[in-house]
Amino acid sequence: MKIKNVDIQNFMLFQELNIDLSKDVNVIFGENSTGKTALMKLLYTQAAVLSKLGRELHADQTKAAVEGAFAKKLINVFKPSNNALHRLVTRTGATRASIHTVFDNDADVRISFSNKQINRLDYQLDRGVETEFTPVYIPPKEIISTAGAFCSLYERYEIGFDETYYDLAKLLLWPLQKGRNTEEQNSVLTPFSDIMKGNISQDNDQFFLKIQGEGNFEMSLVSEGYRKLATLMYLVMSGGLANNSILFWDEPEANMNPKMIYPVAKALINLSRIGVQVFVTTHSYFVQQAFNMAAVYQDHEADEHPMDIRFISLFRNEDGRVGVQTADRLSDIQYDPIMEEFDEVYDREQRLIDGERGEVL
């Protein structure tokens, strides 16, 4: 089950936004405060509720129960003050937020709520929901080093983490599947194993990096960049990330050396090849270019299933509203702050080389 299109009206900083999405890889970028994470969290929220709707919310559930599930998930993911849903309505005189999302099986979901509604919303599902799909959200901060304890804390206390962390921690506690990894799994795992010189294991809800000849290392003793890779590896090994999953990864470059970016991008592309829809947000030139080279230089004739990589630029128009531009190549994107700053750094260095000292920093 893949997300095809989202149409957003008056939700948070989005007054009007309509985006066609790739079934394979979506790379979202833009300056700060243009809504990259908000967009990902909104898509994840709907996918998470629909997944639960298929698994747990049975046909005899009332419409009010389903609406309550959507409202609760939005509140727990976005954490508005006082758990008041209406605080997610755009603060520009709008009275109602609405989100219309279309999936590739033609499931058509509409939710809306007014600036008066606290914990309820209006919901409409025009077509059926495919039950067997798993949405996965990887936030910027790692959680694998404390997954077991985190679940217990989150369930008992009010702590300052949104529900994406809790959802990920629960997924990480899935046991490993029996038997050897499949060829598809190994296509994702091998680049990471080569980087980390080992594999991931779990024992009593504690994760270890097992390095041949050196033994097991607790995740708390491993660098945070490696913990991110370990998270992805374990999700692939346990089946949490598999065919018909949707992966949302907020800033995969966080805490990672640039040398690790290409293997990460390659692994994400291989995930999409086995049926995972991928969303990433980024501020990184290296992440952007890794996916752009994959998009431009792939061999469409040799590849039976060429990749559809979509670049999504969020920016503010002259009137201050958030706009969007999408393309299959970075060269077709007009608003690209990452490339603009890259060019500015180059120009700044040239001015210094030419003797125009000015302000270095």
Protein backbone atom coordinates (compact mmCIF):
# COMPACT_ATOMS: atom_id res chain seq x y z
CA MET A 1 0.00 0.00 0.00
CA LYS A 2 1.58 3.27 -1.15
CA ILE A 3 0.60 6.91 -0.75
CA LYS A 4 -0.11 8.52 -4.16
CA ASN A 5 -1.26 12.04 -3.36
CA VAL A 6 -1.96 14.33 -0.43
CA ASP A 7 -4.01 17.53 -0.52
CA ILE A 8 -3.68 19.69 2.61
CA GLN A 9 -5.75 22.73 3.50
CA ASN A 10 -5.08 24.96 6.54
CA PHE A 11 -3.10 22.40 8.55
CA MET A 12 -0.35 23.98 10.66
CA LEU A 13 1.78 26.11 8.32
CA PHE A 14 0.24 24.59 5.17
CA GLN A 15 -2.56 26.78 3.88
CA GLU A 16 -2.83 25.00 0.54
CA LEU A 17 -0.58 22.17 -0.59
CA ASN A 18 -1.13 19.39 -3.11
CA ILE A 19 1.63 16.84 -3.77
CA ASP A 20 1.86 13.83 -6.07
CA LEU A 21 4.16 11.29 -4.43
CA SER A 22 6.45 8.57 -5.75
CA LYS A 23 5.69 4.93 -5.05
CA ASP A 24 9.45 4.40 -4.58
CA VAL A 25 11.55 7.20 -3.05
CA ASN A 26 10.55 10.73 -1.99
CA VAL A 27 13.29 13.21 -1.00
CA ILE A 28 11.88 16.23 0.86
CA PHE A 29 13.97 19.35 1.44
CA GLY A 30 13.64 23.06 2.12
CA GLU A 31 14.73 25.75 4.53
CA ASN A 32 13.85 25.55 8.22
CA SER A 33 10.20 26.18 9.04
CA THR A 34 8.86 25.11 5.67
CA GLY A 35 7.16 22.01 7.07
CA LYS A 36 9.33 19.05 6.07
CA THR A 37 8.87 17.13 9.31
CA ALA A 38 5.24 18.24 9.63
CA LEU A 39 4.49 16.78 6.19
CA MET A 40 6.19 13.48 7.04
CA LYS A 41 4.44 13.21 10.40
CA LEU A 42 1.07 13.92 8.81
CA LEU A 43 1.54 11.19 6.20
CA TYR A 44 2.81 8.80 8.86
CA THR A 45 -0.14 9.51 11.16
CA GLN A 46 -2.65 8.57 8.49
CA ALA A 47 -0.73 5.46 7.44
CA ALA A 48 -0.41 4.36 11.09
CA VAL A 49 -4.13 4.74 11.76
CA LEU A 50 -5.11 2.96 8.54
CA SER A 51 -2.71 0.13 9.36
CA LYS A 52 -4.29 -0.19 12.80
CA LEU A 53 -7.74 0.11 11.25
CA GLY A 54 -7.01 -2.96 9.19
CA ARG A 55 -5.53 -4.95 12.09
CA GLU A 56 -7.52 -3.93 15.15
CA LEU A 57 -10.44 -1.61 14.42
CA HIS A 58 -12.98 -4.07 13.16
CA ALA A 59 -15.96 -3.48 10.94
CA ASP A 60 -18.30 -3.20 13.91
CA GLN A 61 -16.42 -0.15 15.23
CA THR A 62 -18.50 2.98 15.20
CA LYS A 63 -17.58 5.95 13.03
CA ALA A 64 -16.96 7.89 16.25
CA ALA A 65 -14.39 5.30 17.37
CA VAL A 66 -12.45 5.61 14.12
CA GLU A 67 -12.60 9.40 14.25
CA GLY A 68 -11.33 9.22 17.81
CA ALA A 69 -8.41 7.03 16.70
CA PHE A 70 -7.38 9.57 14.04
CA ALA A 71 -7.68 12.48 16.47
CA LYS A 72 -5.70 10.68 19.18
CA LYS A 73 -2.89 9.78 16.79
CA LEU A 74 -2.61 13.33 15.48
CA ILE A 75 -2.43 14.65 19.03
CA ASN A 76 0.15 12.08 20.15
CA VAL A 77 2.37 12.61 17.11
CA PHE A 78 2.23 16.43 16.98
CA LYS A 79 1.86 17.06 20.74
CA PRO A 80 -0.14 20.33 20.62
CA SER A 81 -0.52 22.23 23.89
CA ASN A 82 -3.19 20.82 26.23
CA ASN A 83 -3.72 17.97 23.72
CA ALA A 84 -6.05 20.30 21.82
CA LEU A 85 -6.49 19.23 18.20
CA HIS A 86 -7.74 22.65 17.12
CA ARG A 87 -4.26 24.09 17.71
CA LEU A 88 -3.17 22.31 14.52
CA VAL A 89 -5.41 24.54 12.38
CA THR A 90 -3.50 27.26 10.50
CA ARG A 91 -3.35 30.49 12.54
CA THR A 92 -4.20 32.81 9.63
CA GLY A 93 -7.92 33.26 10.05
CA ALA A 94 -8.73 29.73 8.86
CA THR A 95 -11.55 27.96 10.65
CA ARG A 96 -11.03 24.40 9.43
CA ALA A 97 -8.17 22.08 8.48
CA SER A 98 -8.67 19.27 5.98
CA ILE A 99 -6.41 16.51 4.65
CA HIS A 100 -7.31 14.34 1.67
CA THR A 101 -4.99 11.38 1.02
CA VAL A 102 -5.17 8.89 -1.85
CA PHE A 103 -3.43 5.49 -1.78
CA ASP A 104 -2.43 3.30 -4.71
CA ASN A 105 -5.21 0.81 -4.04
CA ASP A 106 -7.60 3.75 -4.46
CA ALA A 107 -8.30 3.98 -0.74
CA ASP A 108 -9.47 7.58 -0.37
CA VAL A 109 -9.21 9.10 3.10
CA ARG A 110 -10.49 12.49 4.20
CA ILE A 111 -10.14 13.96 7.67
CA SER A 112 -10.99 17.47 8.82
CA PHE A 113 -11.45 19.42 12.04
CA SER A 114 -12.33 22.96 13.01
CA ASN A 115 -10.58 25.46 15.23
CA LYS A 116 -13.17 24.61 17.88
CA GLN A 117 -12.72 20.83 18.03
CA ILE A 118 -10.50 19.60 20.88
CA ASN A 119 -10.23 15.81 20.51
CA ARG A 120 -12.60 14.85 17.68
CA LEU A 121 -12.50 15.19 13.92
CA ASP A 122 -14.57 14.28 10.88
CA TYR A 123 -13.48 11.24 8.89
CA GLN A 124 -14.47 9.64 5.61
CA LEU A 125 -13.01 6.53 3.97
CA ASP A 126 -14.39 6.10 0.46
CA ARG A 127 -12.78 2.75 -0.33
CA GLY A 128 -11.32 -0.24 1.46
CA VAL A 129 -8.00 -0.43 3.29
CA GLU A 130 -5.34 -3.03 2.58
CA THR A 131 -4.60 -4.58 5.95
CA GLU A 132 -1.08 -5.93 5.54
CA PHE A 133 1.19 -2.93 5.54
CA THR A 134 3.49 -1.43 8.17
CA PRO A 135 4.42 2.26 8.47
CA VAL A 136 7.79 2.95 10.12
CA TYR A 137 8.96 6.37 11.31
CA ILE A 138 12.63 6.92 12.23
CA PRO A 139 13.00 10.27 14.06
CA PRO A 140 16.26 12.26 14.28
CA LYS A 141 17.13 10.95 17.77
CA GLU A 142 17.97 7.27 18.10
CA ILE A 143 15.91 5.02 20.38
CA ILE A 144 17.45 1.56 19.87
CA SER A 145 19.82 1.89 22.84
CA THR A 146 16.87 2.24 25.27
CA ALA A 147 13.94 0.65 23.40
CA GLY A 148 12.74 -1.71 26.15
CA ALA A 149 12.96 0.80 29.00
CA PHE A 150 11.52 3.55 26.80
CA CYS A 151 8.31 1.61 26.14
CA SER A 152 7.73 1.12 29.86
CA LEU A 153 8.37 4.78 30.63
CA TYR A 154 6.17 6.04 27.79
CA GLU A 155 3.25 3.84 28.86
CA ARG A 156 3.40 4.98 32.51
CA TYR A 157 4.48 8.62 32.43
CA GLU A 158 4.08 11.82 30.45
CA ILE A 159 7.51 12.30 28.88
CA GLY A 160 8.69 14.81 26.31
CA PHE A 161 8.72 12.52 23.27
CA ASP A 162 6.10 12.29 20.59
CA GLU A 163 4.55 8.94 19.70
CA THR A 164 6.81 8.27 16.72
CA TYR A 165 9.52 7.28 19.23
CA TYR A 166 7.17 4.92 21.05
CA ASP A 167 5.95 3.34 17.82
CA LEU A 168 9.53 2.73 16.70
CA ALA A 169 10.54 1.28 20.07
CA LYS A 170 7.66 -1.21 19.89
CA LEU A 171 8.69 -2.26 16.38
CA LEU A 172 12.27 -2.79 17.54
CA LEU A 173 11.05 -5.25 20.17
CA TRP A 174 9.73 -7.61 17.50
CA PRO A 175 11.66 -10.93 17.64
CA LEU A 176 13.80 -11.94 14.69
CA GLN A 177 12.28 -14.12 12.01
CA LYS A 178 13.33 -17.77 11.80
CA GLY A 179 15.76 -18.95 9.19
CA ARG A 180 18.34 -17.12 7.14
CA ASN A 181 17.90 -13.67 5.71
CA THR A 182 16.44 -13.58 2.22
CA GLU A 183 18.38 -12.32 -0.77
CA GLU A 184 16.25 -9.17 -0.70
CA GLN A 185 17.06 -8.56 2.97
CA ASN A 186 20.77 -9.08 2.34
CA SER A 187 20.70 -6.47 -0.46
CA VAL A 188 19.86 -3.92 2.24
CA LEU A 189 21.88 -5.37 5.11
CA THR A 190 25.22 -6.03 3.40
CA PRO A 191 26.29 -2.37 2.89
CA PHE A 192 25.58 -1.65 6.55
CA SER A 193 27.33 -4.79 7.79
CA ASP A 194 30.39 -3.81 5.76
CA ILE A 195 30.45 -0.35 7.34
CA MET A 196 29.91 -1.54 10.90
CA LYS A 197 32.08 -4.66 10.56
CA GLY A 198 29.40 -6.70 12.29
CA ASN A 199 25.74 -7.57 12.78
CA ILE A 200 22.93 -6.72 15.18
CA SER A 201 21.49 -8.98 17.84
CA GLN A 202 18.90 -8.59 20.60
CA ASP A 203 18.83 -10.22 24.03
CA ASN A 204 16.11 -9.44 26.60
CA ASP A 205 15.18 -6.19 24.84
CA GLN A 206 18.80 -5.04 24.76
CA PHE A 207 20.59 -4.59 21.44
CA PHE A 208 24.21 -5.42 20.63
CA LEU A 209 26.61 -4.87 17.77
CA LYS A 210 28.43 -8.17 17.27
CA ILE A 211 31.87 -7.64 15.71
CA GLN A 212 33.70 -10.77 14.61
CA GLY A 213 36.77 -11.36 16.76
CA GLU A 214 35.87 -8.59 19.23
CA GLY A 215 32.56 -9.69 20.77
CA ASN A 216 29.29 -7.94 21.55
CA PHE A 217 29.04 -4.20 22.18
CA GLU A 218 26.00 -2.69 23.88
CA MET A 219 24.26 -0.04 21.77
CA SER A 220 25.03 2.53 24.47
CA LEU A 221 28.73 2.03 23.65
CA VAL A 222 28.25 2.49 19.90
CA SER A 223 28.27 5.86 18.08
CA GLU A 224 24.88 7.41 17.41
CA GLY A 225 25.37 7.18 13.65
CA TYR A 226 25.89 3.42 13.99
CA ARG A 227 22.78 3.21 16.19
CA LYS A 228 20.75 4.66 13.33
CA LEU A 229 22.15 2.05 10.95
CA ALA A 230 21.52 -0.66 13.54
CA THR A 231 17.90 0.46 13.79
CA LEU A 232 17.36 0.05 10.07
CA MET A 233 19.21 -3.26 10.02
CA TYR A 234 17.15 -4.78 12.81
CA LEU A 235 13.86 -3.64 11.27
CA VAL A 236 14.84 -5.38 8.03
CA MET A 237 15.96 -8.54 9.87
CA SER A 238 12.75 -8.73 11.94
CA GLY A 239 10.41 -8.09 9.02
CA GLY A 240 9.30 -4.70 10.34
CA LEU A 241 10.56 -3.27 7.05
CA ALA A 242 9.51 -5.52 4.21
CA ASN A 243 7.35 -5.57 1.10
CA ASN A 244 4.38 -3.26 1.56
CA SER A 245 5.98 -1.15 4.30
CA ILE A 246 6.24 2.64 4.24
CA LEU A 247 9.44 4.11 5.70
CA PHE A 248 9.64 7.70 6.92
CA TRP A 249 13.19 8.76 7.92
CA ASP A 250 13.65 12.27 9.27
CA GLU A 251 17.17 13.52 8.41
CA PRO A 252 19.08 10.26 7.84
CA GLU A 253 22.31 12.27 7.75
CA ALA A 254 22.05 13.25 11.44
CA ASN A 255 25.16 12.08 13.35
CA MET A 256 26.55 10.34 10.27
CA ASN A 257 29.89 10.86 8.60
CA PRO A 258 29.42 11.86 4.94
CA LYS A 259 31.21 8.63 3.92
CA MET A 260 28.19 6.72 5.24
CA ILE A 261 25.65 8.61 3.14
CA TYR A 262 26.11 6.73 -0.14
CA PRO A 263 25.67 3.25 1.45
CA VAL A 264 22.60 4.56 3.29
CA ALA A 265 21.08 5.90 0.07
CA LYS A 266 21.91 2.63 -1.71
CA ALA A 267 20.22 0.63 1.06
CA LEU A 268 17.11 2.83 0.90
CA ILE A 269 16.92 2.38 -2.86
CA ASN A 270 17.24 -1.38 -2.40
CA LEU A 271 14.43 -1.21 0.17
CA SER A 272 12.23 0.48 -2.41
CA ARG A 273 13.09 -2.26 -4.89
CA ILE A 274 11.62 -4.86 -2.53
CA GLY A 275 8.38 -2.91 -2.19
CA VAL A 276 9.01 -0.31 0.54
CA GLN A 277 7.85 3.24 -0.14
CA VAL A 278 10.54 5.58 1.19
CA PHE A 279 10.27 9.16 2.48
CA VAL A 280 13.32 11.09 3.70
CA THR A 281 13.78 14.70 4.75
CA THR A 282 17.21 16.21 4.44
CA HIS A 283 19.41 19.28 4.77
CA SER A 284 22.37 17.40 3.28
CA TYR A 285 23.98 18.01 -0.10
CA PHE A 286 25.37 14.47 0.03
CA VAL A 287 21.95 12.86 0.57
CA GLN A 288 20.42 14.96 -2.18
CA GLN A 289 23.15 14.14 -4.68
CA ALA A 290 23.25 10.43 -3.87
CA PHE A 291 19.59 10.11 -4.82
CA ASN A 292 19.94 12.47 -7.77
CA MET A 293 22.75 10.41 -9.30
CA ALA A 294 20.64 7.29 -8.82
CA ALA A 295 17.77 9.01 -10.62
CA VAL A 296 19.81 10.43 -13.50
CA TYR A 297 22.21 7.59 -14.21
CA GLN A 298 20.10 4.50 -13.70
CA ASP A 299 19.96 2.19 -16.69
CA HIS A 300 16.28 2.18 -17.64
CA GLU A 301 16.80 -0.37 -20.40
CA ALA A 302 18.68 -2.86 -18.22
CA ASP A 303 16.49 -2.32 -15.18
CA GLU A 304 13.20 -4.19 -15.39
CA HIS A 305 11.72 -1.86 -12.76
CA PRO A 306 13.41 1.57 -13.02
CA MET A 307 13.28 3.70 -9.90
CA ASP A 308 10.83 6.55 -9.51
CA ILE A 309 12.69 9.08 -7.33
CA ARG A 310 10.73 12.24 -6.55
CA PHE A 311 12.37 15.43 -5.28
CA ILE A 312 10.02 17.61 -3.24
CA SER A 313 11.06 21.19 -2.49
CA LEU A 314 9.13 23.14 0.15
CA PHE A 315 9.64 26.90 0.13
CA ARG A 316 7.96 30.13 1.15
CA ASN A 317 6.35 32.26 -1.54
CA GLU A 318 6.59 36.05 -1.58
CA ASP A 319 3.39 36.19 0.44
CA GLY A 320 4.93 33.96 3.12
CA ARG A 321 2.86 30.88 2.30
CA VAL A 322 4.52 27.50 1.92
CA GLY A 323 4.66 26.32 -1.65
CA VAL A 324 5.88 23.10 -3.23
CA GLN A 325 7.72 22.07 -6.35
CA THR A 326 8.32 18.46 -7.40
CA ALA A 327 10.54 16.95 -10.07
CA ASP A 328 12.25 13.70 -11.05
CA ARG A 329 15.61 15.49 -11.37
CA LEU A 330 17.22 18.05 -9.08
CA SER A 331 18.14 20.15 -12.10
CA ASP A 332 14.43 20.78 -12.64
CA ILE A 333 13.92 22.16 -9.13
CA GLN A 334 13.88 25.95 -9.00
CA TYR A 335 13.95 26.34 -5.20
CA ASP A 336 16.89 24.37 -3.79
CA PRO A 337 18.45 26.02 -0.70
CA ILE A 338 20.98 23.20 -0.32
CA MET A 339 22.47 23.78 -3.77
CA GLU A 340 22.19 27.54 -3.38
CA GLU A 341 24.32 27.43 -0.24
CA PHE A 342 26.79 25.04 -1.88
CA ASP A 343 27.22 27.56 -4.71
CA GLU A 344 27.55 30.41 -2.21
CA VAL A 345 30.35 28.61 -0.34
CA TYR A 346 32.19 28.11 -3.63
CA ASP A 347 31.73 31.79 -4.60
CA ARG A 348 32.85 32.91 -1.14
CA GLU A 349 36.06 30.90 -1.47
CA GLN A 350 36.72 32.31 -4.95
CA ARG A 351 36.37 35.84 -3.63
CA LEU A 352 38.91 35.05 -0.90
CA ILE A 353 41.30 33.51 -3.44
CA ASP A 354 40.97 36.65 -5.57
CA GLY A 355 41.99 38.78 -2.61
CA GLU A 356 38.56 40.09 -1.63
CA ARG A 357 39.05 39.38 2.06
CA GLY A 358 35.90 40.93 3.44
CA GLU A 359 34.23 38.79 6.10
CA VAL A 360 35.56 35.23 6.24
CA LEU A 361 33.01 34.00 8.75
